[in-house]
Amino acid sequence: MSLHSLRQILPPPDAPWEAVAPARWPSVERFLCTELPTDYKQFLEVYGTGHIDGYLRVSNPLRRSTYPWIQETLGALGHLHEMRAGFGREQVPDSLFPELGGLLPWASTTSGDSLYWRTRGTPDRWTVVVLPARATGGDDFDGPAIAFLEAVLRRQYRSHVMGEFPESPVFIPDSVNQ
């Protein structure tokens, strides 16, 4: 599974909004003190900022917004820290970024569910974890972000957390007002 095969079922926009230029990634990776997965970077270089069917948004760390990516990321990690503090490690058993192997958010749904990378090993080998907004438990997908998106959109993988997408999913670029 690759960006090429994802493009077959989720055509990129003709005019992507805030498509990331490859030369901009080093500044983000220096800030995070880690490289990011190649497939994620390629996705944002081709699709830019937007959402899939008004439901799933892949976070763009270089987007222009009134709610910056860093606030979104820290908010998601803060939520998990609060859950762990209130309910213990049974509720949130995983480490959290920047801890070794910790969860790092990369996408979210309008239902408040979050998609994380489990940051074990090299970035291109990070796997996907889907956590619900308010309930316990989640889904593990043993593969990278693009493989997860393709498997979900092709209905080859069913997340118990996320809803299903329509037969012909559409990527909708954001505009300057969002």
C-alpha atoms as a PDB file:
ATOM      1  CA  MET A   1       0.000   0.000   0.000  1.00  0.00           C
ATOM      2  CA  SER A   2       1.338   3.366  -1.031  1.00  0.00           C
ATOM      3  CA  LEU A   3       0.381   6.914  -1.826  1.00  0.00           C
ATOM      4  CA  HIS A   4      -0.044   5.829  -5.459  1.00  0.00           C
ATOM      5  CA  SER A   5      -2.663   3.217  -4.548  1.00  0.00           C
ATOM      6  CA  LEU A   6      -4.394   5.600  -2.105  1.00  0.00           C
ATOM      7  CA  ARG A   7      -4.723   8.127  -4.935  1.00  0.00           C
ATOM      8  CA  GLN A   8      -6.692   5.503  -6.893  1.00  0.00           C
ATOM      9  CA  ILE A   9      -9.518   5.518  -4.320  1.00  0.00           C
ATOM     10  CA  LEU A  10      -9.077   9.028  -2.879  1.00  0.00           C
ATOM     11  CA  PRO A  11      -8.154  11.404  -5.697  1.00  0.00           C
ATOM     12  CA  PRO A  12      -6.144  14.386  -4.472  1.00  0.00           C
ATOM     13  CA  PRO A  13      -7.552  17.857  -5.056  1.00  0.00           C
ATOM     14  CA  ASP A  14      -6.652  19.693  -8.249  1.00  0.00           C
ATOM     15  CA  ALA A  15      -5.668  22.699  -6.149  1.00  0.00           C
ATOM     16  CA  PRO A  16      -4.543  21.491  -2.707  1.00  0.00           C
ATOM     17  CA  TRP A  17      -4.697  24.027   0.093  1.00  0.00           C
ATOM     18  CA  GLU A  18      -1.426  24.427   1.996  1.00  0.00           C
ATOM     19  CA  ALA A  19       0.382  21.539   0.331  1.00  0.00           C
ATOM     20  CA  VAL A  20       3.667  21.180   2.202  1.00  0.00           C
ATOM     21  CA  ALA A  21       6.849  21.834   0.268  1.00  0.00           C
ATOM     22  CA  PRO A  22       9.412  19.085   1.011  1.00  0.00           C
ATOM     23  CA  ALA A  23      11.989  21.700   2.070  1.00  0.00           C
ATOM     24  CA  ARG A  24       9.750  22.723   5.012  1.00  0.00           C
ATOM     25  CA  TRP A  25       9.825  19.353   6.833  1.00  0.00           C
ATOM     26  CA  PRO A  26      13.233  19.750   8.512  1.00  0.00           C
ATOM     27  CA  SER A  27      11.973  22.660  10.657  1.00  0.00           C
ATOM     28  CA  VAL A  28       9.033  20.588  11.934  1.00  0.00           C
ATOM     29  CA  GLU A  29      11.255  17.584  12.600  1.00  0.00           C
ATOM     30  CA  ARG A  30      13.786  19.721  14.465  1.00  0.00           C
ATOM     31  CA  PHE A  31      10.976  21.092  16.631  1.00  0.00           C
ATOM     32  CA  LEU A  32       9.735  17.567  17.435  1.00  0.00           C
ATOM     33  CA  CYS A  33      13.272  16.167  17.773  1.00  0.00           C
ATOM     34  CA  THR A  34      12.271  13.293  15.505  1.00  0.00           C
ATOM     35  CA  GLU A  35      11.777  12.607  11.825  1.00  0.00           C
ATOM     36  CA  LEU A  36       8.234  11.959  10.644  1.00  0.00           C
ATOM     37  CA  PRO A  37       7.060   9.050   8.479  1.00  0.00           C
ATOM     38  CA  THR A  38       7.732   9.468   4.761  1.00  0.00           C
ATOM     39  CA  ASP A  39       4.182   8.453   3.773  1.00  0.00           C
ATOM     40  CA  TYR A  40       2.647  11.117   6.041  1.00  0.00           C
ATOM     41  CA  LYS A  41       4.890  13.808   4.571  1.00  0.00           C
ATOM     42  CA  GLN A  42       4.073  12.658   1.021  1.00  0.00           C
ATOM     43  CA  PHE A  43       0.343  12.741   1.825  1.00  0.00           C
ATOM     44  CA  LEU A  44       0.523  16.383   2.937  1.00  0.00           C
ATOM     45  CA  GLU A  45       2.730  17.302  -0.023  1.00  0.00           C
ATOM     46  CA  VAL A  46       0.049  15.975  -2.408  1.00  0.00           C
ATOM     47  CA  TYR A  47      -3.265  16.558  -0.554  1.00  0.00           C
ATOM     48  CA  GLY A  48      -2.455  19.559   1.647  1.00  0.00           C
ATOM     49  CA  THR A  49      -4.766  20.666   4.448  1.00  0.00           C
ATOM     50  CA  GLY A  50      -8.307  19.306   4.374  1.00  0.00           C
ATOM     51  CA  HIS A  51     -10.477  16.390   5.376  1.00  0.00           C
ATOM     52  CA  ILE A  52     -11.911  13.167   4.069  1.00  0.00           C
ATOM     53  CA  ASP A  53     -15.685  13.396   3.682  1.00  0.00           C
ATOM     54  CA  GLY A  54     -16.001  16.007   6.422  1.00  0.00           C
ATOM     55  CA  TYR A  55     -15.026  13.329   8.938  1.00  0.00           C
ATOM     56  CA  LEU A  56     -11.293  12.646   9.127  1.00  0.00           C
ATOM     57  CA  ARG A  57      -8.605  15.326   9.150  1.00  0.00           C
ATOM     58  CA  VAL A  58      -4.922  14.508   8.709  1.00  0.00           C
ATOM     59  CA  SER A  59      -3.072  17.101  10.795  1.00  0.00           C
ATOM     60  CA  ASN A  60      -0.833  19.484   8.896  1.00  0.00           C
ATOM     61  CA  PRO A  61       1.859  20.939  11.167  1.00  0.00           C
ATOM     62  CA  LEU A  62       2.447  23.772   8.678  1.00  0.00           C
ATOM     63  CA  ARG A  63      -1.149  24.880   8.236  1.00  0.00           C
ATOM     64  CA  ARG A  64      -2.284  28.434   8.845  1.00  0.00           C
ATOM     65  CA  SER A  65      -5.070  28.393  11.387  1.00  0.00           C
ATOM     66  CA  THR A  66      -6.480  30.132  14.424  1.00  0.00           C
ATOM     67  CA  TYR A  67      -5.930  26.818  16.248  1.00  0.00           C
ATOM     68  CA  PRO A  68      -2.333  25.876  15.444  1.00  0.00           C
ATOM     69  CA  TRP A  69      -1.097  22.341  15.055  1.00  0.00           C
ATOM     70  CA  ILE A  70       1.041  22.527  18.198  1.00  0.00           C
ATOM     71  CA  GLN A  71      -2.023  23.398  20.329  1.00  0.00           C
ATOM     72  CA  GLU A  72      -3.937  20.525  18.734  1.00  0.00           C
ATOM     73  CA  THR A  73      -1.079  18.082  19.368  1.00  0.00           C
ATOM     74  CA  LEU A  74      -0.435  19.206  22.932  1.00  0.00           C
ATOM     75  CA  GLY A  75      -4.191  19.152  23.596  1.00  0.00           C
ATOM     76  CA  ALA A  76      -4.515  15.539  22.455  1.00  0.00           C
ATOM     77  CA  LEU A  77      -1.511  14.455  24.512  1.00  0.00           C
ATOM     78  CA  GLY A  78      -2.755  16.490  27.498  1.00  0.00           C
ATOM     79  CA  HIS A  79      -6.108  14.714  27.295  1.00  0.00           C
ATOM     80  CA  LEU A  80      -4.359  11.335  27.515  1.00  0.00           C
ATOM     81  CA  HIS A  81      -2.222  12.528  30.449  1.00  0.00           C
ATOM     82  CA  GLU A  82      -5.413  13.662  32.251  1.00  0.00           C
ATOM     83  CA  MET A  83      -7.104  10.323  31.597  1.00  0.00           C
ATOM     84  CA  ARG A  84      -4.063   8.501  32.924  1.00  0.00           C
ATOM     85  CA  ALA A  85      -3.933  10.727  36.023  1.00  0.00           C
ATOM     86  CA  GLY A  86      -7.628  10.221  36.729  1.00  0.00           C
ATOM     87  CA  PHE A  87      -8.061   6.578  35.829  1.00  0.00           C
ATOM     88  CA  GLY A  88      -4.593   5.053  35.873  1.00  0.00           C
ATOM     89  CA  ARG A  89      -2.509   3.157  33.364  1.00  0.00           C
ATOM     90  CA  GLU A  90      -5.349   0.728  32.634  1.00  0.00           C
ATOM     91  CA  GLN A  91      -7.098   3.581  30.808  1.00  0.00           C
ATOM     92  CA  VAL A  92      -4.002   4.748  28.897  1.00  0.00           C
ATOM     93  CA  PRO A  93      -1.409   1.965  28.974  1.00  0.00           C
ATOM     94  CA  ASP A  94       0.806   3.372  26.213  1.00  0.00           C
ATOM     95  CA  SER A  95       3.701   5.760  26.654  1.00  0.00           C
ATOM     96  CA  LEU A  96       3.073   9.274  25.388  1.00  0.00           C
ATOM     97  CA  PHE A  97       5.323  11.280  23.097  1.00  0.00           C
ATOM     98  CA  PRO A  98       8.106  12.343  23.634  1.00  0.00           C
ATOM     99  CA  GLU A  99       8.632   9.224  25.776  1.00  0.00           C
ATOM    100  CA  LEU A 100      10.348   6.385  23.932  1.00  0.00           C
ATOM    101  CA  GLY A 101       7.717   4.588  21.835  1.00  0.00           C
ATOM    102  CA  GLY A 102       5.090   7.143  22.904  1.00  0.00           C
ATOM    103  CA  LEU A 103       1.862   7.956  21.097  1.00  0.00           C
ATOM    104  CA  LEU A 104       1.988  11.013  18.805  1.00  0.00           C
ATOM    105  CA  PRO A 105      -1.248  12.298  17.180  1.00  0.00           C
ATOM    106  CA  TRP A 106      -1.418  12.631  13.402  1.00  0.00           C
ATOM    107  CA  ALA A 107      -5.148  12.760  12.577  1.00  0.00           C
ATOM    108  CA  SER A 108      -8.567  13.164  14.176  1.00  0.00           C
ATOM    109  CA  THR A 109     -12.257  12.715  13.428  1.00  0.00           C
ATOM    110  CA  THR A 110     -15.164  15.089  13.873  1.00  0.00           C
ATOM    111  CA  SER A 111     -16.412  12.650  16.536  1.00  0.00           C
ATOM    112  CA  GLY A 112     -13.377  13.530  18.655  1.00  0.00           C
ATOM    113  CA  ASP A 113     -11.525  10.272  18.036  1.00  0.00           C
ATOM    114  CA  SER A 114      -7.764  10.556  17.561  1.00  0.00           C
ATOM    115  CA  LEU A 115      -5.303   8.658  15.410  1.00  0.00           C
ATOM    116  CA  TYR A 116      -1.817   8.284  16.821  1.00  0.00           C
ATOM    117  CA  TRP A 117       1.464   6.816  15.775  1.00  0.00           C
ATOM    118  CA  ARG A 118       3.099   4.407  18.162  1.00  0.00           C
ATOM    119  CA  THR A 119       6.601   5.841  17.793  1.00  0.00           C
ATOM    120  CA  ARG A 120       8.604   2.627  18.144  1.00  0.00           C
ATOM    121  CA  GLY A 121      11.518   2.098  15.798  1.00  0.00           C
ATOM    122  CA  THR A 122      12.199   4.228  12.762  1.00  0.00           C
ATOM    123  CA  PRO A 123       9.403   6.620  11.687  1.00  0.00           C
ATOM    124  CA  ASP A 124       8.574   4.619   8.549  1.00  0.00           C
ATOM    125  CA  ARG A 125       7.824   1.626  10.795  1.00  0.00           C
ATOM    126  CA  TRP A 126       5.513   3.481  13.215  1.00  0.00           C
ATOM    127  CA  THR A 127       2.103   1.854  13.508  1.00  0.00           C
ATOM    128  CA  VAL A 128      -1.354   3.392  13.986  1.00  0.00           C
ATOM    129  CA  VAL A 129      -3.459   3.489  17.142  1.00  0.00           C
ATOM    130  CA  VAL A 130      -7.049   4.800  17.058  1.00  0.00           C
ATOM    131  CA  LEU A 131      -8.416   6.000  20.391  1.00  0.00           C
ATOM    132  CA  PRO A 132     -12.017   7.018  21.044  1.00  0.00           C
ATOM    133  CA  ALA A 133     -12.836  10.451  22.434  1.00  0.00           C
ATOM    134  CA  ARG A 134     -14.391   9.355  25.712  1.00  0.00           C
ATOM    135  CA  ALA A 135     -14.370   5.603  26.055  1.00  0.00           C
ATOM    136  CA  THR A 136     -11.718   3.088  26.946  1.00  0.00           C
ATOM    137  CA  GLY A 137      -9.953   0.827  24.504  1.00  0.00           C
ATOM    138  CA  GLY A 138      -8.965   1.491  20.961  1.00  0.00           C
ATOM    139  CA  ASP A 139      -7.738  -0.125  17.789  1.00  0.00           C
ATOM    140  CA  ASP A 140      -4.228  -1.053  16.746  1.00  0.00           C
ATOM    141  CA  PHE A 141      -3.293  -1.200  13.084  1.00  0.00           C
ATOM    142  CA  ASP A 142       0.017  -2.860  12.363  1.00  0.00           C
ATOM    143  CA  GLY A 143       1.090  -0.563   9.563  1.00  0.00           C
ATOM    144  CA  PRO A 144       1.810   3.038   8.607  1.00  0.00           C
ATOM    145  CA  ALA A 145      -0.634   5.924   8.148  1.00  0.00           C
ATOM    146  CA  ILE A 146      -1.218   5.632   4.385  1.00  0.00           C
ATOM    147  CA  ALA A 147      -1.742   1.858   4.623  1.00  0.00           C
ATOM    148  CA  PHE A 148      -4.272   2.498   7.410  1.00  0.00           C
ATOM    149  CA  LEU A 149      -6.172   5.087   5.357  1.00  0.00           C
ATOM    150  CA  GLU A 150      -6.229   2.851   2.316  1.00  0.00           C
ATOM    151  CA  ALA A 151      -7.362  -0.207   4.300  1.00  0.00           C
ATOM    152  CA  VAL A 152     -10.152   1.765   5.996  1.00  0.00           C
ATOM    153  CA  LEU A 153     -11.308   3.409   2.764  1.00  0.00           C
ATOM    154  CA  ARG A 154     -11.260   0.071   0.891  1.00  0.00           C
ATOM    155  CA  ARG A 155     -13.093  -1.521   3.852  1.00  0.00           C
ATOM    156  CA  GLN A 156     -10.296  -4.044   4.297  1.00  0.00           C
ATOM    157  CA  TYR A 157      -9.902  -2.941   7.915  1.00  0.00           C
ATOM    158  CA  ARG A 158     -12.743  -2.013  10.206  1.00  0.00           C
ATOM    159  CA  SER A 159     -12.012   0.201  13.169  1.00  0.00           C
ATOM    160  CA  HIS A 160     -14.270  -0.355  16.155  1.00  0.00           C
ATOM    161  CA  VAL A 161     -13.763   3.289  17.019  1.00  0.00           C
ATOM    162  CA  MET A 162     -14.310   5.072  13.701  1.00  0.00           C
ATOM    163  CA  GLY A 163     -17.325   5.078  11.447  1.00  0.00           C
ATOM    164  CA  GLU A 164     -17.241   3.828   7.863  1.00  0.00           C
ATOM    165  CA  PHE A 165     -16.622   6.004   4.839  1.00  0.00           C
ATOM    166  CA  PRO A 166     -18.856   6.155   1.756  1.00  0.00           C
ATOM    167  CA  GLU A 167     -18.087   3.998  -1.270  1.00  0.00           C
ATOM    168  CA  SER A 168     -16.420   6.894  -3.069  1.00  0.00           C
ATOM    169  CA  PRO A 169     -14.555   8.956  -0.477  1.00  0.00           C
ATOM    170  CA  VAL A 170     -13.653  12.558  -1.281  1.00  0.00           C
ATOM    171  CA  PHE A 171     -10.782  14.687  -0.008  1.00  0.00           C
ATOM    172  CA  ILE A 172     -11.968  18.247   0.532  1.00  0.00           C
ATOM    173  CA  PRO A 173      -9.279  20.938   0.804  1.00  0.00           C
ATOM    174  CA  ASP A 174      -9.697  23.594   3.471  1.00  0.00           C
ATOM    175  CA  SER A 175      -9.855  27.242   2.571  1.00  0.00           C
ATOM    176  CA  VAL A 176      -8.094  30.234   4.029  1.00  0.00           C
ATOM    177  CA  ASN A 177     -11.055  30.863   6.338  1.00  0.00           C
ATOM    178  CA  GLN A 178     -10.745  27.606   8.263  1.00  0.00           C
END
